[in-house]
Protein backbone atom coordinates (compact mmCIF):
# COMPACT_ATOMS: atom_id res chain seq x y z
CA MET A 1 0.81 1.92 8.51
CA CYS A 2 0.24 3.52 5.12
CA PRO A 3 0.24 0.46 2.79
CA HIS A 4 -3.03 -0.87 4.13
CA LEU A 5 -4.59 2.57 3.55
CA THR A 6 -3.32 3.13 0.01
CA ALA A 7 -3.98 -0.39 -1.34
CA PRO A 8 -7.82 -0.30 -1.40
CA SER A 9 -7.89 3.24 -2.78
CA HIS A 10 -8.82 4.39 -6.28
CA PRO A 11 -7.30 2.41 -9.14
CA TRP A 12 -4.48 4.81 -9.87
CA ARG A 13 -0.90 4.94 -8.74
CA ALA A 14 -0.26 5.57 -5.03
CA GLN A 15 3.15 6.21 -3.52
CA VAL A 16 4.36 6.00 0.07
CA ARG A 17 7.72 6.47 1.78
CA LEU A 18 8.50 4.03 4.59
CA GLY A 19 11.22 3.62 7.16
CA PRO A 20 13.09 0.35 7.60
CA LEU A 21 10.78 -2.64 7.18
CA THR A 22 10.10 -4.62 10.34
CA PRO A 23 8.82 -8.21 10.33
CA SER A 24 5.30 -6.96 11.14
CA ALA A 25 5.43 -4.48 8.22
CA VAL A 26 6.41 -7.30 5.86
CA ARG A 27 3.49 -9.34 7.25
CA VAL A 28 1.07 -6.46 6.51
CA LEU A 29 2.37 -6.16 2.94
CA ARG A 30 1.85 -9.90 2.46
CA HIS A 31 -1.72 -9.68 3.80
CA VAL A 32 -2.45 -6.78 1.43
CA ARG A 33 -1.09 -8.84 -1.45
CA ASP A 34 -3.11 -11.94 -0.51
CA PHE A 35 -6.46 -10.29 0.27
CA LEU A 36 -6.57 -7.30 -2.09
CA LYS A 37 -4.34 -8.67 -4.88
CA VAL A 38 -2.27 -5.47 -4.74
CA GLN A 39 1.50 -5.66 -4.82
CA PHE A 40 3.84 -2.88 -3.81
CA GLU A 41 6.92 -2.19 -5.85
CA LEU A 42 9.59 -1.41 -3.25
CA GLU A 43 12.70 0.60 -3.95
CA ALA A 44 15.40 1.34 -1.37
CA GLU A 45 16.85 4.85 -1.23
CA GLU A 46 20.37 4.74 0.11
CA ASP A 47 20.70 8.48 0.83
CA SER A 48 17.75 8.77 3.22
CA ARG A 49 17.77 5.09 4.33
CA THR A 50 14.07 4.79 3.56
CA ILE A 51 11.98 2.62 1.27
CA PHE A 52 9.77 4.05 -1.45
CA GLY A 53 6.68 1.95 -2.22
CA THR A 54 4.43 2.28 -5.25
CA CYS A 55 1.18 0.44 -5.99
CA VAL A 56 -1.97 0.69 -8.08
CA GLY A 57 -5.01 0.67 -5.80
CA ALA A 58 -7.64 -2.06 -5.89
CA GLY A 59 -10.45 0.42 -6.56
CA LEU A 60 -12.74 -0.67 -3.72
CA LYS A 61 -15.87 1.40 -3.11
CA ASN A 62 -17.76 2.04 0.12
CA LEU A 63 -21.10 0.37 -0.55
CA ALA A 64 -22.49 1.44 2.84
CA ARG A 65 -22.32 5.13 1.91
CA LYS A 66 -25.52 6.67 0.60
CA THR A 67 -25.36 8.27 -2.81
CA ASP A 68 -27.80 10.72 -4.33
C-alpha cells in the first residue's frame, strides 16, 4: 500500500491515488498517523470512484546508509 511508503519520505508534498478504502487500509492510515505523525488529507473523486490522498512526508533519513 502506498501510504506507508510516502509518509516517511522527504518533507515535501506527496500524492497518491487509492481505490475504495477497506478496513485494513484505514488501519494502516491510523498507524501512519500514530507512529510517524503524518496525516493524509483524503478527497473522494466521484467520476473515477477513487480517493486522492495528499500528505507532507516525515523526512526520515536512512542512518544505516554510508555517506561519503
